PDB file of N, CA and C in Angstrom:
ATOM      1  N   MET A   1     138.861   9.572  17.170  1.00  0.00           N
ATOM      2  CA  MET A   1     138.974   9.008  18.493  1.00  0.00           C
ATOM      3  C   MET A   1     138.533  10.057  19.510  1.00  0.00           C
ATOM      4  N   THR A   2     137.701   9.662  20.464  1.00  0.00           N
ATOM      5  CA  THR A   2     137.250  10.549  21.527  1.00  0.00           C
ATOM      6  C   THR A   2     138.103  10.311  22.763  1.00  0.00           C
ATOM      7  N   ILE A   3     138.635  11.379  23.318  1.00  0.00           N
ATOM      8  CA  ILE A   3     139.468  11.295  24.512  1.00  0.00           C
ATOM      9  C   ILE A   3     138.776  12.065  25.619  1.00  0.00           C
ATOM     10  N   LYS A   4     138.623  11.435  26.774  1.00  0.00           N
ATOM     11  CA  LYS A   4     137.951  12.061  27.907  1.00  0.00           C
ATOM     12  C   LYS A   4     138.876  12.077  29.117  1.00  0.00           C
ATOM     13  N   ALA A   5     138.672  13.045  29.970  1.00  0.00           N
ATOM     14  CA  ALA A   5     139.396  13.112  31.242  1.00  0.00           C
ATOM     15  C   ALA A   5     138.488  12.578  32.339  1.00  0.00           C
ATOM     16  N   PHE A   6     139.064  11.938  33.349  1.00  0.00           N
ATOM     17  CA  PHE A   6     138.288  11.391  34.462  1.00  0.00           C
ATOM     18  C   PHE A   6     138.530  12.180  35.735  1.00  0.00           C
ATOM     19  N   GLY A   7     137.526  12.181  36.612  1.00  0.00           N
ATOM     20  CA  GLY A   7     137.679  12.755  37.959  1.00  0.00           C
ATOM     21  C   GLY A   7     138.066  14.212  37.945  1.00  0.00           C
ATOM     22  N   ASN A   8     139.182  14.517  38.611  1.00  0.00           N
ATOM     23  CA  ASN A   8     139.616  15.915  38.725  1.00  0.00           C
ATOM     24  C   ASN A   8     140.812  16.203  37.816  1.00  0.00           C
ATOM     25  N   ARG A   9     140.827  15.601  36.650  1.00  0.00           N
ATOM     26  CA  ARG A   9     141.957  15.754  35.737  1.00  0.00           C
ATOM     27  C   ARG A   9     141.638  16.721  34.594  1.00  0.00           C
ATOM     28  N   ILE A  10     142.703  17.361  34.119  1.00  0.00           N
ATOM     29  CA  ILE A  10     142.599  18.293  32.990  1.00  0.00           C
ATOM     30  C   ILE A  10     143.581  17.836  31.917  1.00  0.00           C
ATOM     31  N   LEU A  11     143.090  17.646  30.699  1.00  0.00           N
ATOM     32  CA  LEU A  11     143.928  17.332  29.548  1.00  0.00           C
ATOM     33  C   LEU A  11     143.973  18.566  28.653  1.00  0.00           C
ATOM     34  N   ALA A  12     145.167  18.907  28.180  1.00  0.00           N
ATOM     35  CA  ALA A  12     145.303  20.125  27.390  1.00  0.00           C
ATOM     36  C   ALA A  12     146.435  19.999  26.383  1.00  0.00           C
ATOM     37  N   LEU A  13     146.417  20.880  25.400  1.00  0.00           N
ATOM     38  CA  LEU A  13     147.484  20.996  24.414  1.00  0.00           C
ATOM     39  C   LEU A  13     148.361  22.178  24.773  1.00  0.00           C
ATOM     40  N   MET A  14     149.671  21.995  24.716  1.00  0.00           N
ATOM     41  CA  MET A  14     150.593  23.105  24.956  1.00  0.00           C
ATOM     42  C   MET A  14     150.617  23.958  23.694  1.00  0.00           C
ATOM     43  N   VAL A  15     150.187  25.189  23.809  1.00  0.00           N
ATOM     44  CA  VAL A  15     150.150  26.067  22.642  1.00  0.00           C
ATOM     45  C   VAL A  15     151.269  27.102  22.670  1.00  0.00           C
ATOM     46  N   ASP A  16     152.007  27.119  23.753  1.00  0.00           N
ATOM     47  CA  ASP A  16     153.109  28.054  23.944  1.00  0.00           C
ATOM     48  C   ASP A  16     154.404  27.246  24.042  1.00  0.00           C
ATOM     49  N   LYS A  17     154.682  26.451  23.004  1.00  0.00           N
ATOM     50  CA  LYS A  17     155.825  25.533  23.021  1.00  0.00           C
ATOM     51  C   LYS A  17     157.137  26.270  22.784  1.00  0.00           C
ATOM     52  N   PRO A  18     158.223  25.754  23.374  1.00  0.00           N
ATOM     53  CA  PRO A  18     159.533  26.310  23.024  1.00  0.00           C
ATOM     54  C   PRO A  18     159.891  25.857  21.606  1.00  0.00           C
ATOM     55  N   THR A  19     160.041  26.787  20.691  1.00  0.00           N
ATOM     56  CA  THR A  19     160.274  26.449  19.289  1.00  0.00           C
ATOM     57  C   THR A  19     161.638  26.894  18.793  1.00  0.00           C
ATOM     58  N   GLY A  20     162.466  27.395  19.666  1.00  0.00           N
ATOM     59  CA  GLY A  20     163.791  27.853  19.262  1.00  0.00           C
ATOM     60  C   GLY A  20     163.959  29.336  19.542  1.00  0.00           C
ATOM     61  N   TYR A  21     163.104  30.163  18.916  1.00  0.00           N
ATOM     62  CA  TYR A  21     163.188  31.610  19.111  1.00  0.00           C
ATOM     63  C   TYR A  21     161.799  32.222  19.180  1.00  0.00           C
ATOM     64  N   LYS A  22     161.696  33.295  19.926  1.00  0.00           N
ATOM     65  CA  LYS A  22     160.469  34.091  19.981  1.00  0.00           C
ATOM     66  C   LYS A  22     160.842  35.507  19.579  1.00  0.00           C
ATOM     67  N   LYS A  23     159.891  36.182  18.950  1.00  0.00           N
ATOM     68  CA  LYS A  23     160.117  37.564  18.539  1.00  0.00           C
ATOM     69  C   LYS A  23     159.440  38.501  19.524  1.00  0.00           C
ATOM     70  N   SER A  24     160.199  39.472  20.046  1.00  0.00           N
ATOM     71  CA  SER A  24     159.633  40.449  20.972  1.00  0.00           C
ATOM     72  C   SER A  24     158.801  41.459  20.194  1.00  0.00           C
ATOM     73  N   LYS A  25     158.057  42.304  20.908  1.00  0.00           N
ATOM     74  CA  LYS A  25     157.242  43.318  20.235  1.00  0.00           C
ATOM     75  C   LYS A  25     158.098  44.260  19.404  1.00  0.00           C
ATOM     76  N   SER A  26     159.345  44.477  19.830  1.00  0.00           N
ATOM     77  CA  SER A  26     160.224  45.380  19.082  1.00  0.00           C
ATOM     78  C   SER A  26     160.950  44.680  17.942  1.00  0.00           C
ATOM     79  N   GLY A  27     160.737  43.359  17.789  1.00  0.00           N
ATOM     80  CA  GLY A  27     161.319  42.627  16.680  1.00  0.00           C
ATOM     81  C   GLY A  27     162.580  41.856  17.009  1.00  0.00           C
ATOM     82  N   LEU A  28     163.042  41.903  18.251  1.00  0.00           N
ATOM     83  CA  LEU A  28     164.238  41.159  18.634  1.00  0.00           C
ATOM     84  C   LEU A  28     163.933  39.671  18.733  1.00  0.00           C
ATOM     85  N   LEU A  29     164.866  38.836  18.286  1.00  0.00           N
ATOM     86  CA  LEU A  29     164.723  37.393  18.425  1.00  0.00           C
ATOM     87  C   LEU A  29     165.354  36.969  19.745  1.00  0.00           C
ATOM     88  N   ILE A  30     164.584  36.212  20.530  1.00  0.00           N
ATOM     89  CA  ILE A  30     165.032  35.775  21.849  1.00  0.00           C
ATOM     90  C   ILE A  30     165.035  34.251  21.863  1.00  0.00           C
ATOM     91  N   ALA A  31     166.157  33.656  22.311  1.00  0.00           N
ATOM     92  CA  ALA A  31     166.249  32.195  22.378  1.00  0.00           C
ATOM     93  C   ALA A  31     165.195  31.656  23.339  1.00  0.00           C
ATOM     94  N   ASP A  32     164.557  30.552  22.941  1.00  0.00           N
ATOM     95  CA  ASP A  32     163.528  29.922  23.775  1.00  0.00           C
ATOM     96  C   ASP A  32     163.667  28.415  23.639  1.00  0.00           C
ATOM     97  N   LYS A  33     164.749  27.885  24.161  1.00  0.00           N
ATOM     98  CA  LYS A  33     165.026  26.459  24.067  1.00  0.00           C
ATOM     99  C   LYS A  33     164.689  25.797  25.387  1.00  0.00           C
ATOM    100  N   ASP A  34     164.270  24.554  25.325  1.00  0.00           N
ATOM    101  CA  ASP A  34     163.884  23.816  26.519  1.00  0.00           C
ATOM    102  C   ASP A  34     164.961  23.813  27.591  1.00  0.00           C
ATOM    103  N   MET A  35     166.203  23.619  27.227  1.00  0.00           N
ATOM    104  CA  MET A  35     167.266  23.509  28.211  1.00  0.00           C
ATOM    105  C   MET A  35     167.871  24.863  28.580  1.00  0.00           C
ATOM    106  N   ASP A  36     167.463  25.913  27.925  1.00  0.00           N
ATOM    107  CA  ASP A  36     167.957  27.252  28.199  1.00  0.00           C
ATOM    108  C   ASP A  36     167.264  27.817  29.431  1.00  0.00           C
ATOM    109  N   GLN A  37     167.965  28.585  30.230  1.00  0.00           N
ATOM    110  CA  GLN A  37     167.392  29.145  31.449  1.00  0.00           C
ATOM    111  C   GLN A  37     166.181  30.043  31.153  1.00  0.00           C
ATOM    112  N   ASN A  38     166.174  30.700  29.995  1.00  0.00           N
ATOM    113  CA  ASN A  38     165.047  31.567  29.631  1.00  0.00           C
ATOM    114  C   ASN A  38     163.774  30.776  29.347  1.00  0.00           C
ATOM    115  N   ALA A  39     163.912  29.484  29.062  1.00  0.00           N
ATOM    116  CA  ALA A  39     162.748  28.652  28.754  1.00  0.00           C
ATOM    117  C   ALA A  39     162.067  28.151  30.024  1.00  0.00           C
ATOM    118  N   ILE A  40     162.706  28.358  31.165  1.00  0.00           N
ATOM    119  CA  ILE A  40     162.109  27.920  32.425  1.00  0.00           C
ATOM    120  C   ILE A  40     161.117  29.001  32.856  1.00  0.00           C
ATOM    121  N   ARG A  41     159.890  28.809  32.427  1.00  0.00           N
ATOM    122  CA  ARG A  41     158.830  29.778  32.696  1.00  0.00           C
ATOM    123  C   ARG A  41     157.488  29.078  32.553  1.00  0.00           C
ATOM    124  N   PRO A  42     156.424  29.676  33.045  1.00  0.00           N
ATOM    125  CA  PRO A  42     155.093  29.081  32.848  1.00  0.00           C
ATOM    126  C   PRO A  42     154.760  28.999  31.358  1.00  0.00           C
ATOM    127  N   ARG A  43     153.900  28.062  31.008  1.00  0.00           N
ATOM    128  CA  ARG A  43     153.477  27.885  29.616  1.00  0.00           C
ATOM    129  C   ARG A  43     151.954  27.936  29.521  1.00  0.00           C
ATOM    130  N   TRP A  44     151.477  28.370  28.357  1.00  0.00           N
ATOM    131  CA  TRP A  44     150.038  28.415  28.087  1.00  0.00           C
ATOM    132  C   TRP A  44     149.579  27.104  27.467  1.00  0.00           C
ATOM    133  N   PHE A  45     148.440  26.632  27.917  1.00  0.00           N
ATOM    134  CA  PHE A  45     147.802  25.419  27.395  1.00  0.00           C
ATOM    135  C   PHE A  45     146.373  25.763  27.009  1.00  0.00           C
ATOM    136  N   LYS A  46     145.857  25.059  25.993  1.00  0.00           N
ATOM    137  CA  LYS A  46     144.450  25.181  25.633  1.00  0.00           C
ATOM    138  C   LYS A  46     143.770  23.901  26.088  1.00  0.00           C
ATOM    139  N   VAL A  47     142.750  24.033  26.917  1.00  0.00           N
ATOM    140  CA  VAL A  47     142.089  22.887  27.533  1.00  0.00           C
ATOM    141  C   VAL A  47     141.360  22.071  26.472  1.00  0.00           C
ATOM    142  N   TYR A  48     141.611  20.770  26.489  1.00  0.00           N
ATOM    143  CA  TYR A  48     140.977  19.851  25.554  1.00  0.00           C
ATOM    144  C   TYR A  48     139.805  19.126  26.218  1.00  0.00           C
ATOM    145  N   ALA A  49     140.011  18.632  27.437  1.00  0.00           N
ATOM    146  CA  ALA A  49     138.957  17.896  28.150  1.00  0.00           C
ATOM    147  C   ALA A  49     139.169  18.047  29.655  1.00  0.00           C
ATOM    148  N   VAL A  50     138.059  18.057  30.395  1.00  0.00           N
ATOM    149  CA  VAL A  50     138.128  18.124  31.860  1.00  0.00           C
ATOM    150  C   VAL A  50     137.281  17.002  32.444  1.00  0.00           C
ATOM    151  N   GLY A  51     137.713  16.513  33.613  1.00  0.00           N
ATOM    152  CA  GLY A  51     136.960  15.476  34.305  1.00  0.00           C
ATOM    153  C   GLY A  51     135.694  16.037  34.930  1.00  0.00           C
ATOM    154  N   GLU A  52     134.798  15.140  35.310  1.00  0.00           N
ATOM    155  CA  GLU A  52     133.491  15.543  35.841  1.00  0.00           C
ATOM    156  C   GLU A  52     133.583  16.293  37.171  1.00  0.00           C
ATOM    157  N   GLU A  53     134.694  16.195  37.886  1.00  0.00           N
ATOM    158  CA  GLU A  53     134.849  16.891  39.169  1.00  0.00           C
ATOM    159  C   GLU A  53     135.396  18.314  39.023  1.00  0.00           C
ATOM    160  N   ILE A  54     135.780  18.690  37.828  1.00  0.00           N
ATOM    161  CA  ILE A  54     136.337  20.027  37.572  1.00  0.00           C
ATOM    162  C   ILE A  54     135.214  20.964  37.145  1.00  0.00           C
ATOM    163  N   GLU A  55     135.059  22.056  37.892  1.00  0.00           N
ATOM    164  CA  GLU A  55     134.013  23.033  37.567  1.00  0.00           C
ATOM    165  C   GLU A  55     134.572  24.415  37.238  1.00  0.00           C
ATOM    166  N   TRP A  56     135.836  24.651  37.492  1.00  0.00           N
ATOM    167  CA  TRP A  56     136.396  25.995  37.358  1.00  0.00           C
ATOM    168  C   TRP A  56     137.006  26.278  35.992  1.00  0.00           C
ATOM    169  N   VAL A  57     137.086  25.266  35.133  1.00  0.00           N
ATOM    170  CA  VAL A  57     137.615  25.462  33.785  1.00  0.00           C
ATOM    171  C   VAL A  57     136.861  24.529  32.837  1.00  0.00           C
ATOM    172  N   LYS A  58     136.784  24.942  31.567  1.00  0.00           N
ATOM    173  CA  LYS A  58     136.089  24.113  30.584  1.00  0.00           C
ATOM    174  C   LYS A  58     136.901  24.059  29.288  1.00  0.00           C
ATOM    175  N   PRO A  59     136.614  23.093  28.432  1.00  0.00           N
ATOM    176  CA  PRO A  59     137.342  22.990  27.170  1.00  0.00           C
ATOM    177  C   PRO A  59     137.307  24.294  26.368  1.00  0.00           C
ATOM    178  N   GLU A  60     138.399  24.507  25.644  1.00  0.00           N
ATOM    179  CA  GLU A  60     138.609  25.678  24.787  1.00  0.00           C
ATOM    180  C   GLU A  60     139.121  26.902  25.563  1.00  0.00           C
ATOM    181  N   GLN A  61     139.194  26.852  26.889  1.00  0.00           N
ATOM    182  CA  GLN A  61     139.780  27.956  27.650  1.00  0.00           C
ATOM    183  C   GLN A  61     141.298  27.772  27.694  1.00  0.00           C
ATOM    184  N   TYR A  62     141.988  28.845  28.047  1.00  0.00           N
ATOM    185  CA  TYR A  62     143.445  28.819  28.130  1.00  0.00           C
ATOM    186  C   TYR A  62     143.871  28.843  29.592  1.00  0.00           C
ATOM    187  N   LEU A  63     144.901  28.045  29.914  1.00  0.00           N
ATOM    188  CA  LEU A  63     145.447  28.001  31.269  1.00  0.00           C
ATOM    189  C   LEU A  63     146.940  28.285  31.223  1.00  0.00           C
ATOM    190  N   LEU A  64     147.409  29.116  32.142  1.00  0.00           N
ATOM    191  CA  LEU A  64     148.835  29.333  32.330  1.00  0.00           C
ATOM    192  C   LEU A  64     149.262  28.416  33.465  1.00  0.00           C
ATOM    193  N   VAL A  65     150.238  27.540  33.200  1.00  0.00           N
ATOM    194  CA  VAL A  65     150.637  26.507  34.154  1.00  0.00           C
ATOM    195  C   VAL A  65     152.106  26.715  34.524  1.00  0.00           C
ATOM    196  N   ALA A  66     152.414  26.602  35.828  1.00  0.00           N
ATOM    197  CA  ALA A  66     153.777  26.757  36.320  1.00  0.00           C
ATOM    198  C   ALA A  66     154.713  25.797  35.587  1.00  0.00           C
ATOM    199  N   HIS A  67     155.947  26.228  35.400  1.00  0.00           N
ATOM    200  CA  HIS A  67     156.921  25.446  34.632  1.00  0.00           C
ATOM    201  C   HIS A  67     157.051  24.013  35.136  1.00  0.00           C
ATOM    202  N   GLY A  68     156.942  23.079  34.200  1.00  0.00           N
ATOM    203  CA  GLY A  68     157.159  21.677  34.496  1.00  0.00           C
ATOM    204  C   GLY A  68     156.031  20.964  35.220  1.00  0.00           C
ATOM    205  N   ARG A  69     154.905  21.623  35.418  1.00  0.00           N
ATOM    206  CA  ARG A  69     153.799  21.026  36.171  1.00  0.00           C
ATOM    207  C   ARG A  69     152.792  20.383  35.224  1.00  0.00           C
ATOM    208  N   TRP A  70     153.309  19.598  34.290  1.00  0.00           N
ATOM    209  CA  TRP A  70     152.489  18.848  33.350  1.00  0.00           C
ATOM    210  C   TRP A  70     153.213  17.542  33.036  1.00  0.00           C
ATOM    211  N   SER A  71     152.470  16.569  32.499  1.00  0.00           N
ATOM    212  CA  SER A  71     153.050  15.269  32.161  1.00  0.00           C
ATOM    213  C   SER A  71     153.942  15.389  30.928  1.00  0.00           C
ATOM    214  N   ASN A  72     154.584  14.285  30.559  1.00  0.00           N
ATOM    215  CA  ASN A  72     155.407  14.265  29.347  1.00  0.00           C
ATOM    216  C   ASN A  72     154.567  14.376  28.087  1.00  0.00           C
ATOM    217  N   GLY A  73     153.300  14.103  28.179  1.00  0.00           N
ATOM    218  CA  GLY A  73     152.404  14.200  27.032  1.00  0.00           C
ATOM    219  C   GLY A  73     152.352  12.909  26.243  1.00  0.00           C
ATOM    220  N   ILE A  74     151.230  12.719  25.584  1.00  0.00           N
ATOM    221  CA  ILE A  74     151.062  11.557  24.714  1.00  0.00           C
ATOM    222  C   ILE A  74     150.601  12.035  23.347  1.00  0.00           C
ATOM    223  N   LYS A  75     151.084  11.376  22.313  1.00  0.00           N
ATOM    224  CA  LYS A  75     150.640  11.679  20.957  1.00  0.00           C
ATOM    225  C   LYS A  75     149.271  11.036  20.785  1.00  0.00           C
ATOM    226  N   ALA A  76     148.271  11.858  20.622  1.00  0.00           N
ATOM    227  CA  ALA A  76     146.894  11.368  20.616  1.00  0.00           C
ATOM    228  C   ALA A  76     146.308  11.170  19.221  1.00  0.00           C
ATOM    229  N   TRP A  77     146.922  11.757  18.211  1.00  0.00           N
ATOM    230  CA  TRP A  77     146.378  11.668  16.853  1.00  0.00           C
ATOM    231  C   TRP A  77     147.466  11.211  15.895  1.00  0.00           C
ATOM    232  N   ASP A  78     147.106  10.339  14.992  1.00  0.00           N
ATOM    233  CA  ASP A  78     148.067   9.828  14.017  1.00  0.00           C
ATOM    234  C   ASP A  78     148.488  10.876  13.002  1.00  0.00           C
ATOM    235  N   ASP A  79     147.589  11.782  12.667  1.00  0.00           N
ATOM    236  CA  ASP A  79     147.847  12.764  11.612  1.00  0.00           C
ATOM    237  C   ASP A  79     148.446  14.069  12.118  1.00  0.00           C
ATOM    238  N   SER A  80     148.913  14.087  13.369  1.00  0.00           N
ATOM    239  CA  SER A  80     149.433  15.321  13.955  1.00  0.00           C
ATOM    240  C   SER A  80     150.542  15.008  14.957  1.00  0.00           C
ATOM    241  N   ASP A  81     151.423  15.953  15.153  1.00  0.00           N
ATOM    242  CA  ASP A  81     152.483  15.812  16.161  1.00  0.00           C
ATOM    243  C   ASP A  81     152.058  16.378  17.512  1.00  0.00           C
ATOM    244  N   ASP A  82     150.833  16.874  17.607  1.00  0.00           N
ATOM    245  CA  ASP A  82     150.347  17.433  18.865  1.00  0.00           C
ATOM    246  C   ASP A  82     150.299  16.379  19.951  1.00  0.00           C
ATOM    247  N   LYS A  83     150.579  16.799  21.172  1.00  0.00           N
ATOM    248  CA  LYS A  83     150.504  15.913  22.325  1.00  0.00           C
ATOM    249  C   LYS A  83     149.479  16.453  23.309  1.00  0.00           C
ATOM    250  N   LEU A  84     148.806  15.551  23.998  1.00  0.00           N
ATOM    251  CA  LEU A  84     147.926  15.926  25.101  1.00  0.00           C
ATOM    252  C   LEU A  84     148.707  15.784  26.390  1.00  0.00           C
ATOM    253  N   TYR A  85     148.574  16.774  27.271  1.00  0.00           N
ATOM    254  CA  TYR A  85     149.279  16.783  28.544  1.00  0.00           C
ATOM    255  C   TYR A  85     148.285  16.725  29.691  1.00  0.00           C
ATOM    256  N   LEU A  86     148.642  16.003  30.733  1.00  0.00           N
ATOM    257  CA  LEU A  86     147.881  15.998  31.973  1.00  0.00           C
ATOM    258  C   LEU A  86     148.463  17.105  32.834  1.00  0.00           C
ATOM    259  N   LEU A  87     147.616  18.073  33.239  1.00  0.00           N
ATOM    260  CA  LEU A  87     148.093  19.226  34.000  1.00  0.00           C
ATOM    261  C   LEU A  87     147.958  19.004  35.493  1.00  0.00           C
ATOM    262  N   ASP A  88     148.844  19.646  36.255  1.00  0.00           N
ATOM    263  CA  ASP A  88     148.765  19.642  37.714  1.00  0.00           C
ATOM    264  C   ASP A  88     147.779  20.745  38.107  1.00  0.00           C
ATOM    265  N   ASN A  89     146.607  20.370  38.566  1.00  0.00           N
ATOM    266  CA  ASN A  89     145.535  21.334  38.870  1.00  0.00           C
ATOM    267  C   ASN A  89     145.965  22.404  39.872  1.00  0.00           C
ATOM    268  N   ASP A  90     146.811  22.029  40.835  1.00  0.00           N
ATOM    269  CA  ASP A  90     147.238  22.974  41.866  1.00  0.00           C
ATOM    270  C   ASP A  90     148.219  24.024  41.346  1.00  0.00           C
ATOM    271  N   GLU A  91     148.768  23.806  40.165  1.00  0.00           N
ATOM    272  CA  GLU A  91     149.772  24.722  39.624  1.00  0.00           C
ATOM    273  C   GLU A  91     149.270  25.527  38.426  1.00  0.00           C
ATOM    274  N   CYS A  92     147.964  25.582  38.245  1.00  0.00           N
ATOM    275  CA  CYS A  92     147.372  26.436  37.212  1.00  0.00           C
ATOM    276  C   CYS A  92     147.339  27.849  37.773  1.00  0.00           C
ATOM    277  N   LEU A  93     148.016  28.770  37.116  1.00  0.00           N
ATOM    278  CA  LEU A  93     148.213  30.118  37.642  1.00  0.00           C
ATOM    279  C   LEU A  93     147.164  31.120  37.168  1.00  0.00           C
ATOM    280  N   MET A  94     146.669  30.935  35.950  1.00  0.00           N
ATOM    281  CA  MET A  94     145.739  31.891  35.348  1.00  0.00           C
ATOM    282  C   MET A  94     144.824  31.171  34.384  1.00  0.00           C
ATOM    283  N   ILE A  95     143.671  31.749  34.166  1.00  0.00           N
ATOM    284  CA  ILE A  95     142.718  31.202  33.197  1.00  0.00           C
ATOM    285  C   ILE A  95     142.260  32.340  32.298  1.00  0.00           C
ATOM    286  N   SER A  96     142.056  32.045  31.032  1.00  0.00           N
ATOM    287  CA  SER A  96     141.618  33.061  30.087  1.00  0.00           C
ATOM    288  C   SER A  96     140.590  32.469  29.132  1.00  0.00           C
ATOM    289  N   GLU A  97     139.529  33.225  28.902  1.00  0.00           N
ATOM    290  CA  GLU A  97     138.514  32.828  27.915  1.00  0.00           C
ATOM    291  C   GLU A  97     139.036  33.061  26.504  1.00  0.00           C
ATOM    292  N   GLU A  98     139.907  34.062  26.368  1.00  0.00           N
ATOM    293  CA  GLU A  98     140.416  34.460  25.062  1.00  0.00           C
ATOM    294  C   GLU A  98     141.886  34.109  24.943  1.00  0.00           C
ATOM    295  N   ARG A  99     142.310  34.036  23.726  1.00  0.00           N
ATOM    296  CA  ARG A  99     143.715  33.789  23.435  1.00  0.00           C
ATOM    297  C   ARG A  99     144.560  34.917  24.046  1.00  0.00           C
ATOM    298  N   PRO A 100     145.465  34.601  24.956  1.00  0.00           N
ATOM    299  CA  PRO A 100     146.267  35.649  25.595  1.00  0.00           C
ATOM    300  C   PRO A 100     147.122  36.412  24.580  1.00  0.00           C
ATOM    301  N   GLU A 101     147.209  37.711  24.770  1.00  0.00           N
ATOM    302  CA  GLU A 101     147.980  38.553  23.865  1.00  0.00           C
ATOM    303  C   GLU A 101     149.466  38.458  24.191  1.00  0.00           C
ATOM    304  N   GLY A 102     150.298  38.693  23.185  1.00  0.00           N
ATOM    305  CA  GLY A 102     151.739  38.706  23.383  1.00  0.00           C
ATOM    306  C   GLY A 102     152.379  37.329  23.425  1.00  0.00           C
ATOM    307  N   VAL A 103     151.605  36.288  23.129  1.00  0.00           N
ATOM    308  CA  VAL A 103     152.129  34.921  23.129  1.00  0.00           C
ATOM    309  C   VAL A 103     151.985  34.364  21.719  1.00  0.00           C
ATOM    310  N   GLU A 104     153.071  33.792  21.181  1.00  0.00           N
ATOM    311  CA  GLU A 104     153.012  33.177  19.853  1.00  0.00           C
ATOM    312  C   GLU A 104     152.576  31.729  20.026  1.00  0.00           C
ATOM    313  N   PHE A 105     151.414  31.401  19.518  1.00  0.00           N
ATOM    314  CA  PHE A 105     150.869  30.058  19.655  1.00  0.00           C
ATOM    315  C   PHE A 105     151.276  29.195  18.475  1.00  0.00           C
ATOM    316  N   VAL A 106     151.536  27.935  18.765  1.00  0.00           N
ATOM    317  CA  VAL A 106     151.947  27.011  17.709  1.00  0.00           C
ATOM    318  C   VAL A 106     150.768  26.700  16.807  1.00  0.00           C
ATOM    319  N   GLU A 107     149.636  26.281  17.389  1.00  0.00           N
ATOM    320  CA  GLU A 107     148.430  26.043  16.613  1.00  0.00           C
ATOM    321  C   GLU A 107     147.259  25.810  17.552  1.00  0.00           C
ATOM    322  N   ASP A 108     146.067  25.855  17.016  1.00  0.00           N
ATOM    323  CA  ASP A 108     144.866  25.659  17.810  1.00  0.00           C
ATOM    324  C   ASP A 108     144.507  24.185  17.903  1.00  0.00           C
ATOM    325  N   ILE A 109     143.609  23.886  18.834  1.00  0.00           N
ATOM    326  CA  ILE A 109     143.052  22.533  18.927  1.00  0.00           C
ATOM    327  C   ILE A 109     142.256  22.273  17.660  1.00  0.00           C
ATOM    328  N   LYS A 110     142.348  21.087  17.167  1.00  0.00           N
ATOM    329  CA  LYS A 110     141.618  20.741  15.937  1.00  0.00           C
ATOM    330  C   LYS A 110     140.130  20.754  16.160  1.00  0.00           C
TER     331      LYS A 110
END
């Protein structure tokens, strides 16, 4: 199935999901639950599709998005639990061509 974004919209996969715990560089396990205060932070997304009006980002780039500035997501593929999220363009904080260091990613875009 081909999924496209329209206009000034950005569709992306959350690759920095709260999975329960994250390991620090020193090896400490830190709680990272959705309802935990520590989980209220920006998240990294990998861009899947951009609308024709978007020129500042392209698919396969990474975006850091302010906490909660994305849709609930939709399950786009039958064979995967991955969800596509509609991002709030005004709340994209950073862009990266490369996978950001120090972040544990769940998985890449297929």
